[in-house]
Amino acid sequence: LSCAASGGTFSNNAMGWFRQAPGKEREFVAAINWNGAS
């Protein structure tokens, strides 16, 4: 999966992936800090 960002300074943001299956709550999948080190 890819996620393209616009409208801000991308390197200022930690980023996350979440998912939601039918009938279930949204759940956390993964996160990454601003430079990818964490």
PDB file of all heavy atoms in Angstrom:
ATOM      1  N   LEU A   1       0.837  -1.185   0.000  1.00  0.00           N
ATOM      2  CA  LEU A   1       0.000   0.000   0.000  1.00  0.00           C
ATOM      3  C   LEU A   1       0.880   1.246   0.000  1.00  0.00           C
ATOM      4  O   LEU A   1       1.953   1.255   0.602  1.00  0.00           O
ATOM      5  CB  LEU A   1      -0.907   0.028   1.219  1.00  0.00           C
ATOM      6  CG  LEU A   1      -1.803  -1.198   1.439  1.00  0.00           C
ATOM      7  CD1 LEU A   1      -2.692  -0.968   2.647  1.00  0.00           C
ATOM      8  CD2 LEU A   1      -2.615  -1.521   0.214  1.00  0.00           C
ATOM      9  N   SER A   2       0.388   2.278  -0.659  1.00  0.00           N
ATOM     10  CA  SER A   2       1.061   3.570  -0.664  1.00  0.00           C
ATOM     11  C   SER A   2       0.093   4.631  -0.176  1.00  0.00           C
ATOM     12  O   SER A   2      -1.122   4.517  -0.358  1.00  0.00           O
ATOM     13  CB  SER A   2       1.527   3.934  -2.079  1.00  0.00           C
ATOM     14  OG  SER A   2       2.436   2.994  -2.582  1.00  0.00           O
ATOM     15  N   CYS A   3       0.643   5.665   0.420  1.00  0.00           N
ATOM     16  CA  CYS A   3      -0.164   6.795   0.867  1.00  0.00           C
ATOM     17  C   CYS A   3       0.601   8.060   0.497  1.00  0.00           C
ATOM     18  O   CYS A   3       1.682   8.316   1.037  1.00  0.00           O
ATOM     19  CB  CYS A   3      -0.410   6.727   2.361  1.00  0.00           C
ATOM     20  SG  CYS A   3      -1.217   8.191   3.050  1.00  0.00           S
ATOM     21  N   ALA A   4       0.043   8.819  -0.433  1.00  0.00           N
ATOM     22  CA  ALA A   4       0.672  10.052  -0.890  1.00  0.00           C
ATOM     23  C   ALA A   4       0.090  11.238  -0.139  1.00  0.00           C
ATOM     24  O   ALA A   4      -1.137  11.388  -0.062  1.00  0.00           O
ATOM     25  CB  ALA A   4       0.459  10.218  -2.390  1.00  0.00           C
ATOM     26  N   ALA A   5       0.974  12.074   0.391  1.00  0.00           N
ATOM     27  CA  ALA A   5       0.553  13.235   1.172  1.00  0.00           C
ATOM     28  C   ALA A   5       0.791  14.515   0.399  1.00  0.00           C
ATOM     29  O   ALA A   5       1.748  14.626  -0.373  1.00  0.00           O
ATOM     30  CB  ALA A   5       1.312  13.272   2.490  1.00  0.00           C
ATOM     31  N   SER A   6      -0.079  15.483   0.623  1.00  0.00           N
ATOM     32  CA  SER A   6       0.094  16.810   0.033  1.00  0.00           C
ATOM     33  C   SER A   6      -0.497  17.845   0.975  1.00  0.00           C
ATOM     34  O   SER A   6      -1.257  17.505   1.890  1.00  0.00           O
ATOM     35  CB  SER A   6      -0.585  16.894  -1.333  1.00  0.00           C
ATOM     36  OG  SER A   6      -1.980  16.671  -1.221  1.00  0.00           O
ATOM     37  N   GLY A   7      -0.125  19.091   0.753  1.00  0.00           N
ATOM     38  CA  GLY A   7      -0.715  20.183   1.514  1.00  0.00           C
ATOM     39  C   GLY A   7      -0.018  20.515   2.806  1.00  0.00           C
ATOM     40  O   GLY A   7      -0.480  21.378   3.546  1.00  0.00           O
ATOM     41  N   GLY A   8       1.063  19.846   3.110  1.00  0.00           N
ATOM     42  CA  GLY A   8       1.786  20.150   4.332  1.00  0.00           C
ATOM     43  C   GLY A   8       3.250  19.816   4.165  1.00  0.00           C
ATOM     44  O   GLY A   8       3.703  19.532   3.051  1.00  0.00           O
ATOM     45  N   THR A   9       3.995  19.844   5.241  1.00  0.00           N
ATOM     46  CA  THR A   9       5.402  19.438   5.221  1.00  0.00           C
ATOM     47  C   THR A   9       5.466  18.017   5.746  1.00  0.00           C
ATOM     48  O   THR A   9       5.399  17.795   6.955  1.00  0.00           O
ATOM     49  CB  THR A   9       6.256  20.382   6.062  1.00  0.00           C
ATOM     50  OG1 THR A   9       6.091  21.715   5.582  1.00  0.00           O
ATOM     51  CG2 THR A   9       7.719  19.983   5.980  1.00  0.00           C
ATOM     52  N   PHE A  10       5.573  17.085   4.845  1.00  0.00           N
ATOM     53  CA  PHE A  10       5.442  15.662   5.171  1.00  0.00           C
ATOM     54  C   PHE A  10       6.397  15.234   6.275  1.00  0.00           C
ATOM     55  O   PHE A  10       6.051  14.444   7.146  1.00  0.00           O
ATOM     56  CB  PHE A  10       5.669  14.848   3.901  1.00  0.00           C
ATOM     57  CG  PHE A  10       5.474  13.373   4.060  1.00  0.00           C
ATOM     58  CD1 PHE A  10       4.227  12.851   4.363  1.00  0.00           C
ATOM     59  CD2 PHE A  10       6.535  12.496   3.874  1.00  0.00           C
ATOM     60  CE1 PHE A  10       4.043  11.482   4.498  1.00  0.00           C
ATOM     61  CE2 PHE A  10       6.366  11.131   3.998  1.00  0.00           C
ATOM     62  CZ  PHE A  10       5.118  10.617   4.312  1.00  0.00           C
ATOM     63  N   SER A  11       7.598  15.764   6.261  1.00  0.00           N
ATOM     64  CA  SER A  11       8.585  15.338   7.250  1.00  0.00           C
ATOM     65  C   SER A  11       8.269  15.857   8.652  1.00  0.00           C
ATOM     66  O   SER A  11       8.959  15.505   9.601  1.00  0.00           O
ATOM     67  CB  SER A  11       9.989  15.786   6.832  1.00  0.00           C
ATOM     68  OG  SER A  11      10.038  17.190   6.706  1.00  0.00           O
ATOM     69  N   ASN A  12       7.248  16.661   8.802  1.00  0.00           N
ATOM     70  CA  ASN A  12       6.817  17.106  10.125  1.00  0.00           C
ATOM     71  C   ASN A  12       5.891  16.117  10.818  1.00  0.00           C
ATOM     72  O   ASN A  12       5.545  16.309  11.987  1.00  0.00           O
ATOM     73  CB  ASN A  12       6.089  18.447  10.041  1.00  0.00           C
ATOM     74  CG  ASN A  12       7.034  19.605   9.844  1.00  0.00           C
ATOM     75  OD1 ASN A  12       8.241  19.482  10.057  1.00  0.00           O
ATOM     76  ND2 ASN A  12       6.508  20.737   9.436  1.00  0.00           N
ATOM     77  N   ASN A  13       5.467  15.091  10.082  1.00  0.00           N
ATOM     78  CA  ASN A  13       4.424  14.209  10.595  1.00  0.00           C
ATOM     79  C   ASN A  13       4.900  12.785  10.802  1.00  0.00           C
ATOM     80  O   ASN A  13       5.438  12.164   9.883  1.00  0.00           O
ATOM     81  CB  ASN A  13       3.242  14.158   9.619  1.00  0.00           C
ATOM     82  CG  ASN A  13       2.669  15.514   9.309  1.00  0.00           C
ATOM     83  OD1 ASN A  13       2.878  16.062   8.226  1.00  0.00           O
ATOM     84  ND2 ASN A  13       1.956  16.069  10.272  1.00  0.00           N
ATOM     85  N   ALA A  14       4.628  12.249  11.994  1.00  0.00           N
ATOM     86  CA  ALA A  14       4.629  10.802  12.136  1.00  0.00           C
ATOM     87  C   ALA A  14       3.406  10.293  11.371  1.00  0.00           C
ATOM     88  O   ALA A  14       2.412  11.005  11.237  1.00  0.00           O
ATOM     89  CB  ALA A  14       4.549  10.397  13.601  1.00  0.00           C
ATOM     90  N   MET A  15       3.494   9.069  10.865  1.00  0.00           N
ATOM     91  CA  MET A  15       2.420   8.524  10.045  1.00  0.00           C
ATOM     92  C   MET A  15       1.989   7.169  10.593  1.00  0.00           C
ATOM     93  O   MET A  15       2.789   6.429  11.173  1.00  0.00           O
ATOM     94  CB  MET A  15       2.888   8.350   8.602  1.00  0.00           C
ATOM     95  CG  MET A  15       3.312   9.634   7.912  1.00  0.00           C
ATOM     96  SD  MET A  15       1.958  10.781   7.661  1.00  0.00           S
ATOM     97  CE  MET A  15       0.940   9.848   6.516  1.00  0.00           C
ATOM     98  N   GLY A  16       0.731   6.845  10.367  1.00  0.00           N
ATOM     99  CA  GLY A  16       0.216   5.568  10.830  1.00  0.00           C
ATOM    100  C   GLY A  16      -0.671   4.903   9.789  1.00  0.00           C
ATOM    101  O   GLY A  16      -1.182   5.564   8.875  1.00  0.00           O
ATOM    102  N   TRP A  17      -0.803   3.600   9.908  1.00  0.00           N
ATOM    103  CA  TRP A  17      -1.766   2.820   9.135  1.00  0.00           C
ATOM    104  C   TRP A  17      -2.747   2.171  10.116  1.00  0.00           C
ATOM    105  O   TRP A  17      -2.331   1.612  11.141  1.00  0.00           O
ATOM    106  CB  TRP A  17      -1.085   1.726   8.320  1.00  0.00           C
ATOM    107  CG  TRP A  17      -0.361   2.213   7.106  1.00  0.00           C
ATOM    108  CD1 TRP A  17       0.973   2.482   6.998  1.00  0.00           C
ATOM    109  CD2 TRP A  17      -0.925   2.465   5.810  1.00  0.00           C
ATOM    110  NE1 TRP A  17       1.274   2.894   5.720  1.00  0.00           N
ATOM    111  CE2 TRP A  17       0.118   2.885   4.967  1.00  0.00           C
ATOM    112  CE3 TRP A  17      -2.209   2.364   5.283  1.00  0.00           C
ATOM    113  CZ2 TRP A  17      -0.078   3.217   3.628  1.00  0.00           C
ATOM    114  CZ3 TRP A  17      -2.412   2.689   3.947  1.00  0.00           C
ATOM    115  CH2 TRP A  17      -1.358   3.113   3.137  1.00  0.00           C
ATOM    116  N   PHE A  18      -4.007   2.240   9.777  1.00  0.00           N
ATOM    117  CA  PHE A  18      -5.073   1.603  10.530  1.00  0.00           C
ATOM    118  C   PHE A  18      -5.916   0.782   9.553  1.00  0.00           C
ATOM    119  O   PHE A  18      -5.805   0.953   8.342  1.00  0.00           O
ATOM    120  CB  PHE A  18      -5.963   2.656  11.213  1.00  0.00           C
ATOM    121  CG  PHE A  18      -5.298   3.351  12.364  1.00  0.00           C
ATOM    122  CD1 PHE A  18      -4.349   4.328  12.151  1.00  0.00           C
ATOM    123  CD2 PHE A  18      -5.630   3.034  13.671  1.00  0.00           C
ATOM    124  CE1 PHE A  18      -3.720   4.975  13.213  1.00  0.00           C
ATOM    125  CE2 PHE A  18      -5.024   3.672  14.747  1.00  0.00           C
ATOM    126  CZ  PHE A  18      -4.063   4.639  14.505  1.00  0.00           C
ATOM    127  N   ARG A  19      -6.752  -0.081  10.090  1.00  0.00           N
ATOM    128  CA  ARG A  19      -7.649  -0.839   9.235  1.00  0.00           C
ATOM    129  C   ARG A  19      -8.979  -1.048   9.937  1.00  0.00           C
ATOM    130  O   ARG A  19      -9.063  -1.025  11.170  1.00  0.00           O
ATOM    131  CB  ARG A  19      -7.037  -2.184   8.835  1.00  0.00           C
ATOM    132  CG  ARG A  19      -6.832  -3.152  10.001  1.00  0.00           C
ATOM    133  CD  ARG A  19      -6.073  -4.378   9.528  1.00  0.00           C
ATOM    134  NE  ARG A  19      -5.895  -5.357  10.597  1.00  0.00           N
ATOM    135  CZ  ARG A  19      -5.141  -6.448  10.472  1.00  0.00           C
ATOM    136  NH1 ARG A  19      -4.501  -6.706   9.330  1.00  0.00           N
ATOM    137  NH2 ARG A  19      -5.037  -7.289  11.483  1.00  0.00           N
ATOM    138  N   GLN A  20     -10.008  -1.269   9.119  1.00  0.00           N
ATOM    139  CA  GLN A  20     -11.336  -1.511   9.658  1.00  0.00           C
ATOM    140  C   GLN A  20     -12.027  -2.576   8.833  1.00  0.00           C
ATOM    141  O   GLN A  20     -12.238  -2.398   7.626  1.00  0.00           O
ATOM    142  CB  GLN A  20     -12.161  -0.227   9.677  1.00  0.00           C
ATOM    143  CG  GLN A  20     -13.488  -0.370  10.386  1.00  0.00           C
ATOM    144  CD  GLN A  20     -14.134   0.968  10.694  1.00  0.00           C
ATOM    145  OE1 GLN A  20     -13.803   1.989  10.097  1.00  0.00           O
ATOM    146  NE2 GLN A  20     -15.053   0.971  11.641  1.00  0.00           N
ATOM    147  N   ALA A  21     -12.349  -3.670   9.497  1.00  0.00           N
ATOM    148  CA  ALA A  21     -13.080  -4.754   8.857  1.00  0.00           C
ATOM    149  C   ALA A  21     -14.579  -4.533   9.075  1.00  0.00           C
ATOM    150  O   ALA A  21     -14.978  -3.840  10.012  1.00  0.00           O
ATOM    151  CB  ALA A  21     -12.650  -6.089   9.449  1.00  0.00           C
ATOM    152  N   PRO A  22     -15.409  -5.119   8.216  1.00  0.00           N
ATOM    153  CA  PRO A  22     -16.866  -4.936   8.358  1.00  0.00           C
ATOM    154  C   PRO A  22     -17.350  -5.347   9.748  1.00  0.00           C
ATOM    155  O   PRO A  22     -17.007  -6.433  10.239  1.00  0.00           O
ATOM    156  CB  PRO A  22     -17.436  -5.850   7.277  1.00  0.00           C
ATOM    157  CG  PRO A  22     -16.361  -5.955   6.262  1.00  0.00           C
ATOM    158  CD  PRO A  22     -15.076  -5.916   7.027  1.00  0.00           C
ATOM    159  N   GLY A  23     -18.115  -4.477  10.368  1.00  0.00           N
ATOM    160  CA  GLY A  23     -18.677  -4.778  11.679  1.00  0.00           C
ATOM    161  C   GLY A  23     -17.706  -4.665  12.832  1.00  0.00           C
ATOM    162  O   GLY A  23     -18.055  -4.992  13.969  1.00  0.00           O
ATOM    163  N   LYS A  24     -16.497  -4.196  12.554  1.00  0.00           N
ATOM    164  CA  LYS A  24     -15.488  -4.082  13.622  1.00  0.00           C
ATOM    165  C   LYS A  24     -15.014  -2.645  13.746  1.00  0.00           C
ATOM    166  O   LYS A  24     -15.174  -1.836  12.831  1.00  0.00           O
ATOM    167  CB  LYS A  24     -14.309  -5.004  13.328  1.00  0.00           C
ATOM    168  CG  LYS A  24     -14.653  -6.480  13.362  1.00  0.00           C
ATOM    169  CD  LYS A  24     -13.406  -7.333  13.259  1.00  0.00           C
ATOM    170  CE  LYS A  24     -13.727  -8.811  13.361  1.00  0.00           C
ATOM    171  NZ  LYS A  24     -12.501  -9.656  13.301  1.00  0.00           N
ATOM    172  N   GLU A  25     -14.393  -2.360  14.875  1.00  0.00           N
ATOM    173  CA  GLU A  25     -13.842  -1.033  15.084  1.00  0.00           C
ATOM    174  C   GLU A  25     -12.530  -0.880  14.307  1.00  0.00           C
ATOM    175  O   GLU A  25     -11.856  -1.863  13.986  1.00  0.00           O
ATOM    176  CB  GLU A  25     -13.593  -0.795  16.569  1.00  0.00           C
ATOM    177  CG  GLU A  25     -14.862  -0.720  17.390  1.00  0.00           C
ATOM    178  CD  GLU A  25     -14.591  -0.312  18.829  1.00  0.00           C
ATOM    179  OE1 GLU A  25     -13.408  -0.224  19.205  1.00  0.00           O
ATOM    180  OE2 GLU A  25     -15.561  -0.086  19.574  1.00  0.00           O
ATOM    181  N   ARG A  26     -12.193   0.377  14.037  1.00  0.00           N
ATOM    182  CA  ARG A  26     -10.919   0.643  13.392  1.00  0.00           C
ATOM    183  C   ARG A  26      -9.786   0.243  14.341  1.00  0.00           C
ATOM    184  O   ARG A  26      -9.837   0.531  15.538  1.00  0.00           O
ATOM    185  CB  ARG A  26     -10.824   2.119  13.034  1.00  0.00           C
ATOM    186  CG  ARG A  26      -9.647   2.487  12.174  1.00  0.00           C
ATOM    187  CD  ARG A  26      -9.753   3.908  11.669  1.00  0.00           C
ATOM    188  NE  ARG A  26     -10.931   4.090  10.827  1.00  0.00           N
ATOM    189  CZ  ARG A  26     -11.166   5.204  10.125  1.00  0.00           C
ATOM    190  NH1 ARG A  26     -10.315   6.220  10.188  1.00  0.00           N
ATOM    191  NH2 ARG A  26     -12.248   5.307   9.408  1.00  0.00           N
ATOM    192  N   GLU A  27      -8.774  -0.424  13.801  1.00  0.00           N
ATOM    193  CA  GLU A  27      -7.669  -0.870  14.636  1.00  0.00           C
ATOM    194  C   GLU A  27      -6.327  -0.431  14.065  1.00  0.00           C
ATOM    195  O   GLU A  27      -6.155  -0.305  12.854  1.00  0.00           O
ATOM    196  CB  GLU A  27      -7.683  -2.397  14.804  1.00  0.00           C
ATOM    197  CG  GLU A  27      -7.440  -3.184  13.554  1.00  0.00           C
ATOM    198  CD  GLU A  27      -7.281  -4.681  13.839  1.00  0.00           C
ATOM    199  OE1 GLU A  27      -7.381  -5.108  14.998  1.00  0.00           O
ATOM    200  OE2 GLU A  27      -7.050  -5.425  12.852  1.00  0.00           O
ATOM    201  N   PHE A  28      -5.403  -0.252  14.970  1.00  0.00           N
ATOM    202  CA  PHE A  28      -4.047   0.156  14.629  1.00  0.00           C
ATOM    203  C   PHE A  28      -3.308  -0.973  13.925  1.00  0.00           C
ATOM    204  O   PHE A  28      -3.446  -2.152  14.296  1.00  0.00           O
ATOM    205  CB  PHE A  28      -3.318   0.554  15.902  1.00  0.00           C
ATOM    206  CG  PHE A  28      -1.849   0.783  15.744  1.00  0.00           C
ATOM    207  CD1 PHE A  28      -1.375   1.928  15.124  1.00  0.00           C
ATOM    208  CD2 PHE A  28      -0.938  -0.152  16.201  1.00  0.00           C
ATOM    209  CE1 PHE A  28      -0.011   2.146  14.979  1.00  0.00           C
ATOM    210  CE2 PHE A  28       0.422   0.052  16.079  1.00  0.00           C
ATOM    211  CZ  PHE A  28       0.882   1.197  15.460  1.00  0.00           C
ATOM    212  N   VAL A  29      -2.496  -0.605  12.932  1.00  0.00           N
ATOM    213  CA  VAL A  29      -1.664  -1.573  12.228  1.00  0.00           C
ATOM    214  C   VAL A  29      -0.176  -1.266  12.447  1.00  0.00           C
ATOM    215  O   VAL A  29       0.574  -2.126  12.904  1.00  0.00           O
ATOM    216  CB  VAL A  29      -1.988  -1.586  10.727  1.00  0.00           C
ATOM    217  CG1 VAL A  29      -1.043  -2.515   9.979  1.00  0.00           C
ATOM    218  CG2 VAL A  29      -3.440  -1.978  10.485  1.00  0.00           C
ATOM    219  N   ALA A  30       0.234  -0.047  12.106  1.00  0.00           N
ATOM    220  CA  ALA A  30       1.651   0.298  12.205  1.00  0.00           C
ATOM    221  C   ALA A  30       1.806   1.808  12.208  1.00  0.00           C
ATOM    222  O   ALA A  30       0.926   2.531  11.742  1.00  0.00           O
ATOM    223  CB  ALA A  30       2.431  -0.300  11.036  1.00  0.00           C
ATOM    224  N   ALA A  31       2.952   2.271  12.726  1.00  0.00           N
ATOM    225  CA  ALA A  31       3.257   3.699  12.726  1.00  0.00           C
ATOM    226  C   ALA A  31       4.750   3.884  12.515  1.00  0.00           C
ATOM    227  O   ALA A  31       5.559   2.987  12.802  1.00  0.00           O
ATOM    228  CB  ALA A  31       2.806   4.356  14.022  1.00  0.00           C
ATOM    229  N   ILE A  32       5.105   5.082  12.033  1.00  0.00           N
ATOM    230  CA  ILE A  32       6.510   5.392  11.751  1.00  0.00           C
ATOM    231  C   ILE A  32       6.748   6.849  12.096  1.00  0.00           C
ATOM    232  O   ILE A  32       5.882   7.708  11.860  1.00  0.00           O
ATOM    233  CB  ILE A  32       6.820   5.085  10.272  1.00  0.00           C
ATOM    234  CG1 ILE A  32       8.308   5.187   9.979  1.00  0.00           C
ATOM    235  CG2 ILE A  32       6.012   5.978   9.325  1.00  0.00           C
ATOM    236  CD1 ILE A  32       8.700   4.575   8.626  1.00  0.00           C
ATOM    237  N   ASN A  33       7.925   7.152  12.646  1.00  0.00           N
ATOM    238  CA  ASN A  33       8.197   8.533  13.006  1.00  0.00           C
ATOM    239  C   ASN A  33       8.618   9.336  11.779  1.00  0.00           C
ATOM    240  O   ASN A  33       8.658   8.816  10.654  1.00  0.00           O
ATOM    241  CB  ASN A  33       9.236   8.603  14.124  1.00  0.00           C
ATOM    242  CG  ASN A  33      10.648   8.369  13.630  1.00  0.00           C
ATOM    243  OD1 ASN A  33      10.866   7.632  12.666  1.00  0.00           O
ATOM    244  ND2 ASN A  33      11.610   8.992  14.284  1.00  0.00           N
ATOM    245  N   TRP A  34       8.972  10.574  11.991  1.00  0.00           N
ATOM    246  CA  TRP A  34       9.122  11.503  10.880  1.00  0.00           C
ATOM    247  C   TRP A  34      10.227  11.128   9.902  1.00  0.00           C
ATOM    248  O   TRP A  34      10.122  11.406   8.709  1.00  0.00           O
ATOM    249  CB  TRP A  34       9.382  12.918  11.418  1.00  0.00           C
ATOM    250  CG  TRP A  34      10.735  13.070  12.049  1.00  0.00           C
ATOM    251  CD1 TRP A  34      11.101  12.708  13.319  1.00  0.00           C
ATOM    252  CD2 TRP A  34      11.900  13.611  11.437  1.00  0.00           C
ATOM    253  NE1 TRP A  34      12.419  12.988  13.534  1.00  0.00           N
ATOM    254  CE2 TRP A  34      12.942  13.551  12.399  1.00  0.00           C
ATOM    255  CE3 TRP A  34      12.183  14.143  10.181  1.00  0.00           C
ATOM    256  CZ2 TRP A  34      14.219  14.000  12.128  1.00  0.00           C
ATOM    257  CZ3 TRP A  34      13.463  14.597   9.907  1.00  0.00           C
ATOM    258  CH2 TRP A  34      14.465  14.520  10.884  1.00  0.00           C
ATOM    259  N   ASN A  35      11.286  10.473  10.366  1.00  0.00           N
ATOM    260  CA  ASN A  35      12.405  10.155   9.478  1.00  0.00           C
ATOM    261  C   ASN A  35      12.561   8.662   9.230  1.00  0.00           C
ATOM    262  O   ASN A  35      13.538   8.238   8.620  1.00  0.00           O
ATOM    263  CB  ASN A  35      13.702  10.748  10.018  1.00  0.00           C
ATOM    264  CG  ASN A  35      14.130  10.100  11.322  1.00  0.00           C
ATOM    265  OD1 ASN A  35      13.424   9.263  11.880  1.00  0.00           O
ATOM    266  ND2 ASN A  35      15.283  10.490  11.823  1.00  0.00           N
ATOM    267  N   GLY A  36      11.623   7.872   9.726  1.00  0.00           N
ATOM    268  CA  GLY A  36      11.671   6.443   9.473  1.00  0.00           C
ATOM    269  C   GLY A  36      12.548   5.652  10.419  1.00  0.00           C
ATOM    270  O   GLY A  36      12.655   4.429  10.284  1.00  0.00           O
ATOM    271  N   ALA A  37      13.160   6.311  11.374  1.00  0.00           N
ATOM    272  CA  ALA A  37      14.092   5.631  12.274  1.00  0.00           C
ATOM    273  C   ALA A  37      13.383   4.797  13.329  1.00  0.00           C
ATOM    274  O   ALA A  37      13.984   3.903  13.926  1.00  0.00           O
ATOM    275  CB  ALA A  37      14.998   6.654  12.954  1.00  0.00           C
ATOM    276  N   SER A  38      12.133   5.092  13.569  1.00  0.00           N
ATOM    277  CA  SER A  38      11.387   4.398  14.620  1.00  0.00           C
ATOM    278  C   SER A  38      10.054   3.904  14.062  1.00  0.00           C
ATOM    279  O   SER A  38       9.351   4.658  13.386  1.00  0.00           O
ATOM    280  CB  SER A  38      11.136   5.348  15.790  1.00  0.00           C
ATOM    281  OG  SER A  38      10.395   4.714  16.811  1.00  0.00           O
TER     282      SER A  38
END
